[in-house]
Amino acid sequence: EFTPIKTFDDRFNDLMSFKAKYGHCDASQCGEDASLGRWCSVLRVSYRKMQHNQKPTMKLSDAQVQRLSDAGFKWCG
């Protein structure tokens, strides 16, 4: 079955739903939120690479980083 690629906004909305349910943004990489947890992990790795002027796995704009930070996303897992 083909799963469409989710956009940043789709994933961000998923994360906000997760936060509303659990009170935090720390999705696990196992269980029913595994794909969201993997996305969070890729965000953190990409962010670290950007801090060190390396090529990130996922390109993040300053606005996206700010939105995640404002939402309470922890950049170090």
PDB file of N, CA and C in Angstrom:
ATOM      1  N   GLU A   1       0.852  -1.186   0.000  1.00  0.00           N
ATOM      2  CA  GLU A   1       0.000   0.000   0.000  1.00  0.00           C
ATOM      3  C   GLU A   1       0.892   1.242   0.000  1.00  0.00           C
ATOM      4  N   PHE A   2       0.570   2.171  -0.856  1.00  0.00           N
ATOM      5  CA  PHE A   2       1.388   3.382  -0.997  1.00  0.00           C
ATOM      6  C   PHE A   2       0.984   4.420   0.046  1.00  0.00           C
ATOM      7  N   THR A   3       1.942   4.877   0.810  1.00  0.00           N
ATOM      8  CA  THR A   3       1.694   5.944   1.771  1.00  0.00           C
ATOM      9  C   THR A   3       2.259   7.229   1.196  1.00  0.00           C
ATOM     10  N   PRO A   4       1.419   8.238   1.007  1.00  0.00           N
ATOM     11  CA  PRO A   4       1.956   9.493   0.468  1.00  0.00           C
ATOM     12  C   PRO A   4       2.982  10.105   1.418  1.00  0.00           C
ATOM     13  N   ILE A   5       3.955  10.753   0.850  1.00  0.00           N
ATOM     14  CA  ILE A   5       4.987  11.418   1.656  1.00  0.00           C
ATOM     15  C   ILE A   5       4.326  12.598   2.372  1.00  0.00           C
ATOM     16  N   LYS A   6       4.537  12.652   3.659  1.00  0.00           N
ATOM     17  CA  LYS A   6       3.946  13.748   4.422  1.00  0.00           C
ATOM     18  C   LYS A   6       4.841  14.982   4.354  1.00  0.00           C
ATOM     19  N   THR A   7       4.203  16.136   4.272  1.00  0.00           N
ATOM     20  CA  THR A   7       4.944  17.393   4.265  1.00  0.00           C
ATOM     21  C   THR A   7       5.350  17.752   5.693  1.00  0.00           C
ATOM     22  N   PHE A   8       6.196  18.749   5.816  1.00  0.00           N
ATOM     23  CA  PHE A   8       6.589  19.236   7.141  1.00  0.00           C
ATOM     24  C   PHE A   8       5.348  19.618   7.941  1.00  0.00           C
ATOM     25  N   ASP A   9       4.417  20.329   7.300  1.00  0.00           N
ATOM     26  CA  ASP A   9       3.208  20.771   8.002  1.00  0.00           C
ATOM     27  C   ASP A   9       2.358  19.594   8.477  1.00  0.00           C
ATOM     28  N   ASP A  10       2.257  18.552   7.639  1.00  0.00           N
ATOM     29  CA  ASP A  10       1.520  17.345   8.037  1.00  0.00           C
ATOM     30  C   ASP A  10       2.137  16.758   9.306  1.00  0.00           C
ATOM     31  N   ARG A  11       3.449  16.607   9.262  1.00  0.00           N
ATOM     32  CA  ARG A  11       4.170  16.013  10.384  1.00  0.00           C
ATOM     33  C   ARG A  11       4.089  16.896  11.627  1.00  0.00           C
ATOM     34  N   PHE A  12       4.198  18.199  11.419  1.00  0.00           N
ATOM     35  CA  PHE A  12       4.103  19.144  12.534  1.00  0.00           C
ATOM     36  C   PHE A  12       2.735  19.006  13.206  1.00  0.00           C
ATOM     37  N   ASN A  13       1.689  18.896  12.385  1.00  0.00           N
ATOM     38  CA  ASN A  13       0.335  18.722  12.921  1.00  0.00           C
ATOM     39  C   ASN A  13       0.218  17.401  13.680  1.00  0.00           C
ATOM     40  N   ASP A  14       0.844  16.346  13.145  1.00  0.00           N
ATOM     41  CA  ASP A  14       0.874  15.053  13.842  1.00  0.00           C
ATOM     42  C   ASP A  14       1.532  15.217  15.215  1.00  0.00           C
ATOM     43  N   LEU A  15       2.633  15.972  15.226  1.00  0.00           N
ATOM     44  CA  LEU A  15       3.373  16.176  16.468  1.00  0.00           C
ATOM     45  C   LEU A  15       2.529  16.961  17.480  1.00  0.00           C
ATOM     46  N   MET A  16       1.774  17.958  16.995  1.00  0.00           N
ATOM     47  CA  MET A  16       0.917  18.737  17.884  1.00  0.00           C
ATOM     48  C   MET A  16      -0.226  17.880  18.449  1.00  0.00           C
ATOM     49  N   SER A  17      -0.735  16.961  17.648  1.00  0.00           N
ATOM     50  CA  SER A  17      -1.759  16.018  18.132  1.00  0.00           C
ATOM     51  C   SER A  17      -1.167  15.116  19.206  1.00  0.00           C
ATOM     52  N   PHE A  18       0.064  14.648  18.950  1.00  0.00           N
ATOM     53  CA  PHE A  18       0.778  13.808  19.913  1.00  0.00           C
ATOM     54  C   PHE A  18       0.960  14.571  21.227  1.00  0.00           C
ATOM     55  N   LYS A  19       1.379  15.841  21.110  1.00  0.00           N
ATOM     56  CA  LYS A  19       1.616  16.656  22.307  1.00  0.00           C
ATOM     57  C   LYS A  19       0.314  16.877  23.085  1.00  0.00           C
ATOM     58  N   ALA A  20      -0.780  17.103  22.360  1.00  0.00           N
ATOM     59  CA  ALA A  20      -2.077  17.315  23.009  1.00  0.00           C
ATOM     60  C   ALA A  20      -2.481  16.071  23.804  1.00  0.00           C
ATOM     61  N   LYS A  21      -2.112  14.908  23.277  1.00  0.00           N
ATOM     62  CA  LYS A  21      -2.482  13.638  23.911  1.00  0.00           C
ATOM     63  C   LYS A  21      -1.577  13.295  25.097  1.00  0.00           C
ATOM     64  N   TYR A  22      -0.275  13.516  24.939  1.00  0.00           N
ATOM     65  CA  TYR A  22       0.695  13.055  25.944  1.00  0.00           C
ATOM     66  C   TYR A  22       1.360  14.170  26.756  1.00  0.00           C
ATOM     67  N   GLY A  23       1.197  15.420  26.324  1.00  0.00           N
ATOM     68  CA  GLY A  23       1.759  16.534  27.078  1.00  0.00           C
ATOM     69  C   GLY A  23       3.218  16.840  26.787  1.00  0.00           C
ATOM     70  N   HIS A  24       3.791  16.178  25.779  1.00  0.00           N
ATOM     71  CA  HIS A  24       5.185  16.444  25.394  1.00  0.00           C
ATOM     72  C   HIS A  24       5.359  16.111  23.911  1.00  0.00           C
ATOM     73  N   CYS A  25       6.535  16.442  23.371  1.00  0.00           N
ATOM     74  CA  CYS A  25       6.817  16.230  21.943  1.00  0.00           C
ATOM     75  C   CYS A  25       7.793  15.083  21.703  1.00  0.00           C
ATOM     76  N   ASP A  26       7.981  14.245  22.710  1.00  0.00           N
ATOM     77  CA  ASP A  26       9.029  13.232  22.618  1.00  0.00           C
ATOM     78  C   ASP A  26       8.472  11.884  22.143  1.00  0.00           C
ATOM     79  N   ALA A  27       8.113  11.820  20.865  1.00  0.00           N
ATOM     80  CA  ALA A  27       7.533  10.595  20.302  1.00  0.00           C
ATOM     81  C   ALA A  27       8.569   9.475  20.262  1.00  0.00           C
ATOM     82  N   SER A  28       8.142   8.272  20.616  1.00  0.00           N
ATOM     83  CA  SER A  28       9.031   7.111  20.617  1.00  0.00           C
ATOM     84  C   SER A  28       9.207   6.563  19.201  1.00  0.00           C
ATOM     85  N   GLN A  29      10.349   5.917  18.960  1.00  0.00           N
ATOM     86  CA  GLN A  29      10.587   5.307  17.649  1.00  0.00           C
ATOM     87  C   GLN A  29      10.048   3.881  17.584  1.00  0.00           C
ATOM     88  N   CYS A  30       9.330   3.462  18.639  1.00  0.00           N
ATOM     89  CA  CYS A  30       8.659   2.167  18.558  1.00  0.00           C
ATOM     90  C   CYS A  30       7.196   2.347  18.938  1.00  0.00           C
ATOM     91  N   GLY A  31       6.399   1.369  18.609  1.00  0.00           N
ATOM     92  CA  GLY A  31       4.978   1.454  18.898  1.00  0.00           C
ATOM     93  C   GLY A  31       4.220   2.208  17.823  1.00  0.00           C
ATOM     94  N   GLU A  32       3.029   2.669  18.171  1.00  0.00           N
ATOM     95  CA  GLU A  32       2.146   3.249  17.152  1.00  0.00           C
ATOM     96  C   GLU A  32       2.622   4.601  16.627  1.00  0.00           C
ATOM     97  N   ASP A  33       3.509   5.269  17.369  1.00  0.00           N
ATOM     98  CA  ASP A  33       4.017   6.569  16.924  1.00  0.00           C
ATOM     99  C   ASP A  33       5.420   6.480  16.328  1.00  0.00           C
ATOM    100  N   ALA A  34       5.799   5.271  15.907  1.00  0.00           N
ATOM    101  CA  ALA A  34       7.170   5.037  15.434  1.00  0.00           C
ATOM    102  C   ALA A  34       7.574   5.962  14.292  1.00  0.00           C
ATOM    103  N   SER A  35       6.701   6.156  13.304  1.00  0.00           N
ATOM    104  CA  SER A  35       7.103   6.980  12.159  1.00  0.00           C
ATOM    105  C   SER A  35       7.273   8.433  12.581  1.00  0.00           C
ATOM    106  N   LEU A  36       6.452   8.897  13.525  1.00  0.00           N
ATOM    107  CA  LEU A  36       6.605  10.253  14.049  1.00  0.00           C
ATOM    108  C   LEU A  36       7.900  10.355  14.856  1.00  0.00           C
ATOM    109  N   GLY A  37       8.195   9.318  15.628  1.00  0.00           N
ATOM    110  CA  GLY A  37       9.440   9.284  16.404  1.00  0.00           C
ATOM    111  C   GLY A  37      10.666   9.319  15.510  1.00  0.00           C
ATOM    112  N   ARG A  38      10.597   8.585  14.391  1.00  0.00           N
ATOM    113  CA  ARG A  38      11.724   8.598  13.435  1.00  0.00           C
ATOM    114  C   ARG A  38      11.879   9.983  12.815  1.00  0.00           C
ATOM    115  N   TRP A  39      10.764  10.624  12.508  1.00  0.00           N
ATOM    116  CA  TRP A  39      10.807  11.981  11.947  1.00  0.00           C
ATOM    117  C   TRP A  39      11.485  12.920  12.940  1.00  0.00           C
ATOM    118  N   CYS A  40      11.118  12.811  14.219  1.00  0.00           N
ATOM    119  CA  CYS A  40      11.728  13.651  15.256  1.00  0.00           C
ATOM    120  C   CYS A  40      13.232  13.413  15.332  1.00  0.00           C
ATOM    121  N   SER A  41      13.624  12.154  15.209  1.00  0.00           N
ATOM    122  CA  SER A  41      15.035  11.800  15.252  1.00  0.00           C
ATOM    123  C   SER A  41      15.796  12.428  14.080  1.00  0.00           C
ATOM    124  N   VAL A  42      15.190  12.356  12.890  1.00  0.00           N
ATOM    125  CA  VAL A  42      15.809  12.962  11.694  1.00  0.00           C
ATOM    126  C   VAL A  42      15.912  14.479  11.872  1.00  0.00           C
ATOM    127  N   LEU A  43      14.896  15.079  12.469  1.00  0.00           N
ATOM    128  CA  LEU A  43      14.947  16.529  12.741  1.00  0.00           C
ATOM    129  C   LEU A  43      16.150  16.865  13.601  1.00  0.00           C
ATOM    130  N   ARG A  44      16.345  16.078  14.679  1.00  0.00           N
ATOM    131  CA  ARG A  44      17.447  16.364  15.610  1.00  0.00           C
ATOM    132  C   ARG A  44      18.799  16.210  14.940  1.00  0.00           C
ATOM    133  N   VAL A  45      18.958  15.137  14.161  1.00  0.00           N
ATOM    134  CA  VAL A  45      20.226  14.896  13.456  1.00  0.00           C
ATOM    135  C   VAL A  45      20.484  16.028  12.459  1.00  0.00           C
ATOM    136  N   SER A  46      19.442  16.415  11.720  1.00  0.00           N
ATOM    137  CA  SER A  46      19.574  17.478  10.727  1.00  0.00           C
ATOM    138  C   SER A  46      19.948  18.802  11.385  1.00  0.00           C
ATOM    139  N   TYR A  47      19.312  19.072  12.511  1.00  0.00           N
ATOM    140  CA  TYR A  47      19.576  20.307  13.246  1.00  0.00           C
ATOM    141  C   TYR A  47      21.030  20.354  13.712  1.00  0.00           C
ATOM    142  N   ARG A  48      21.499  19.233  14.271  1.00  0.00           N
ATOM    143  CA  ARG A  48      22.905  19.161  14.719  1.00  0.00           C
ATOM    144  C   ARG A  48      23.857  19.387  13.559  1.00  0.00           C
ATOM    145  N   LYS A  49      23.563  18.764  12.419  1.00  0.00           N
ATOM    146  CA  LYS A  49      24.427  18.933  11.247  1.00  0.00           C
ATOM    147  C   LYS A  49      24.444  20.389  10.796  1.00  0.00           C
ATOM    148  N   MET A  50      23.266  21.038  10.815  1.00  0.00           N
ATOM    149  CA  MET A  50      23.191  22.441  10.418  1.00  0.00           C
ATOM    150  C   MET A  50      24.023  23.316  11.358  1.00  0.00           C
ATOM    151  N   GLN A  51      24.033  22.977  12.659  1.00  0.00           N
ATOM    152  CA  GLN A  51      24.824  23.733  13.637  1.00  0.00           C
ATOM    153  C   GLN A  51      26.317  23.630  13.332  1.00  0.00           C
ATOM    154  N   HIS A  52      26.711  22.514  12.714  1.00  0.00           N
ATOM    155  CA  HIS A  52      28.129  22.288  12.412  1.00  0.00           C
ATOM    156  C   HIS A  52      28.449  22.498  10.929  1.00  0.00           C
ATOM    157  N   ASN A  53      27.560  23.216  10.247  1.00  0.00           N
ATOM    158  CA  ASN A  53      27.749  23.528   8.827  1.00  0.00           C
ATOM    159  C   ASN A  53      27.944  22.290   7.954  1.00  0.00           C
ATOM    160  N   GLN A  54      27.240  21.206   8.322  1.00  0.00           N
ATOM    161  CA  GLN A  54      27.253  20.000   7.493  1.00  0.00           C
ATOM    162  C   GLN A  54      25.928  19.923   6.741  1.00  0.00           C
ATOM    163  N   LYS A  55      25.879  19.033   5.757  1.00  0.00           N
ATOM    164  CA  LYS A  55      24.663  18.903   4.959  1.00  0.00           C
ATOM    165  C   LYS A  55      23.618  18.113   5.757  1.00  0.00           C
ATOM    166  N   PRO A  56      22.471  18.738   6.062  1.00  0.00           N
ATOM    167  CA  PRO A  56      21.460  18.034   6.856  1.00  0.00           C
ATOM    168  C   PRO A  56      20.714  16.973   6.051  1.00  0.00           C
ATOM    169  N   THR A  57      20.230  15.955   6.737  1.00  0.00           N
ATOM    170  CA  THR A  57      19.408  14.921   6.118  1.00  0.00           C
ATOM    171  C   THR A  57      18.122  15.556   5.597  1.00  0.00           C
ATOM    172  N   MET A  58      17.539  16.429   6.406  1.00  0.00           N
ATOM    173  CA  MET A  58      16.312  17.134   6.057  1.00  0.00           C
ATOM    174  C   MET A  58      16.574  18.624   6.161  1.00  0.00           C
ATOM    175  N   LYS A  59      16.281  19.353   5.093  1.00  0.00           N
ATOM    176  CA  LYS A  59      16.523  20.794   5.123  1.00  0.00           C
ATOM    177  C   LYS A  59      15.452  21.468   5.978  1.00  0.00           C
ATOM    178  N   LEU A  60      15.886  22.234   6.960  1.00  0.00           N
ATOM    179  CA  LEU A  60      14.967  22.942   7.851  1.00  0.00           C
ATOM    180  C   LEU A  60      15.163  24.442   7.711  1.00  0.00           C
ATOM    181  N   SER A  61      14.080  25.155   7.523  1.00  0.00           N
ATOM    182  CA  SER A  61      14.178  26.616   7.470  1.00  0.00           C
ATOM    183  C   SER A  61      14.215  27.158   8.894  1.00  0.00           C
ATOM    184  N   ASP A  62      14.681  28.387   9.038  1.00  0.00           N
ATOM    185  CA  ASP A  62      14.701  29.024  10.357  1.00  0.00           C
ATOM    186  C   ASP A  62      13.291  29.074  10.942  1.00  0.00           C
ATOM    187  N   ALA A  63      12.305  29.319  10.078  1.00  0.00           N
ATOM    188  CA  ALA A  63      10.908  29.403  10.525  1.00  0.00           C
ATOM    189  C   ALA A  63      10.426  28.055  11.068  1.00  0.00           C
ATOM    190  N   GLN A  64      10.827  26.974  10.395  1.00  0.00           N
ATOM    191  CA  GLN A  64      10.440  25.633  10.853  1.00  0.00           C
ATOM    192  C   GLN A  64      11.083  25.313  12.200  1.00  0.00           C
ATOM    193  N   VAL A  65      12.364  25.643  12.325  1.00  0.00           N
ATOM    194  CA  VAL A  65      13.077  25.427  13.591  1.00  0.00           C
ATOM    195  C   VAL A  65      12.381  26.214  14.699  1.00  0.00           C
ATOM    196  N   GLN A  66      12.006  27.450  14.407  1.00  0.00           N
ATOM    197  CA  GLN A  66      11.343  28.305  15.394  1.00  0.00           C
ATOM    198  C   GLN A  66       9.986  27.735  15.802  1.00  0.00           C
ATOM    199  N   ARG A  67       9.224  27.252  14.819  1.00  0.00           N
ATOM    200  CA  ARG A  67       7.909  26.663  15.113  1.00  0.00           C
ATOM    201  C   ARG A  67       8.037  25.468  16.049  1.00  0.00           C
ATOM    202  N   LEU A  68       9.019  24.624  15.780  1.00  0.00           N
ATOM    203  CA  LEU A  68       9.251  23.438  16.609  1.00  0.00           C
ATOM    204  C   LEU A  68       9.689  23.842  18.011  1.00  0.00           C
ATOM    205  N   SER A  69      10.601  24.795  18.080  1.00  0.00           N
ATOM    206  CA  SER A  69      11.089  25.283  19.391  1.00  0.00           C
ATOM    207  C   SER A  69       9.936  25.870  20.194  1.00  0.00           C
ATOM    208  N   ASP A  70       9.117  26.691  19.548  1.00  0.00           N
ATOM    209  CA  ASP A  70       7.973  27.317  20.225  1.00  0.00           C
ATOM    210  C   ASP A  70       6.984  26.275  20.726  1.00  0.00           C
ATOM    211  N   ALA A  71       6.896  25.164  20.015  1.00  0.00           N
ATOM    212  CA  ALA A  71       5.962  24.097  20.382  1.00  0.00           C
ATOM    213  C   ALA A  71       6.491  23.233  21.527  1.00  0.00           C
ATOM    214  N   GLY A  72       7.772  23.473  21.900  1.00  0.00           N
ATOM    215  CA  GLY A  72       8.355  22.715  23.013  1.00  0.00           C
ATOM    216  C   GLY A  72       9.144  21.490  22.566  1.00  0.00           C
ATOM    217  N   PHE A  73       9.512  21.469  21.284  1.00  0.00           N
ATOM    218  CA  PHE A  73      10.319  20.347  20.765  1.00  0.00           C
ATOM    219  C   PHE A  73      11.714  20.408  21.358  1.00  0.00           C
ATOM    220  N   LYS A  74      12.202  19.260  21.854  1.00  0.00           N
ATOM    221  CA  LYS A  74      13.559  19.201  22.411  1.00  0.00           C
ATOM    222  C   LYS A  74      14.534  18.826  21.305  1.00  0.00           C
ATOM    223  N   TRP A  75      15.532  19.669  21.071  1.00  0.00           N
ATOM    224  CA  TRP A  75      16.474  19.429  19.970  1.00  0.00           C
ATOM    225  C   TRP A  75      17.534  18.405  20.315  1.00  0.00           C
ATOM    226  N   CYS A  76      17.723  18.126  21.597  1.00  0.00           N
ATOM    227  CA  CYS A  76      18.617  17.021  21.936  1.00  0.00           C
ATOM    228  C   CYS A  76      17.780  15.933  22.583  1.00  0.00           C
ATOM    229  N   GLY A  77      17.832  14.748  21.990  1.00  0.00           N
ATOM    230  CA  GLY A  77      16.964  13.659  22.437  1.00  0.00           C
ATOM    231  C   GLY A  77      17.529  12.919  23.631  1.00  0.00           C
TER     232      GLY A  77
END
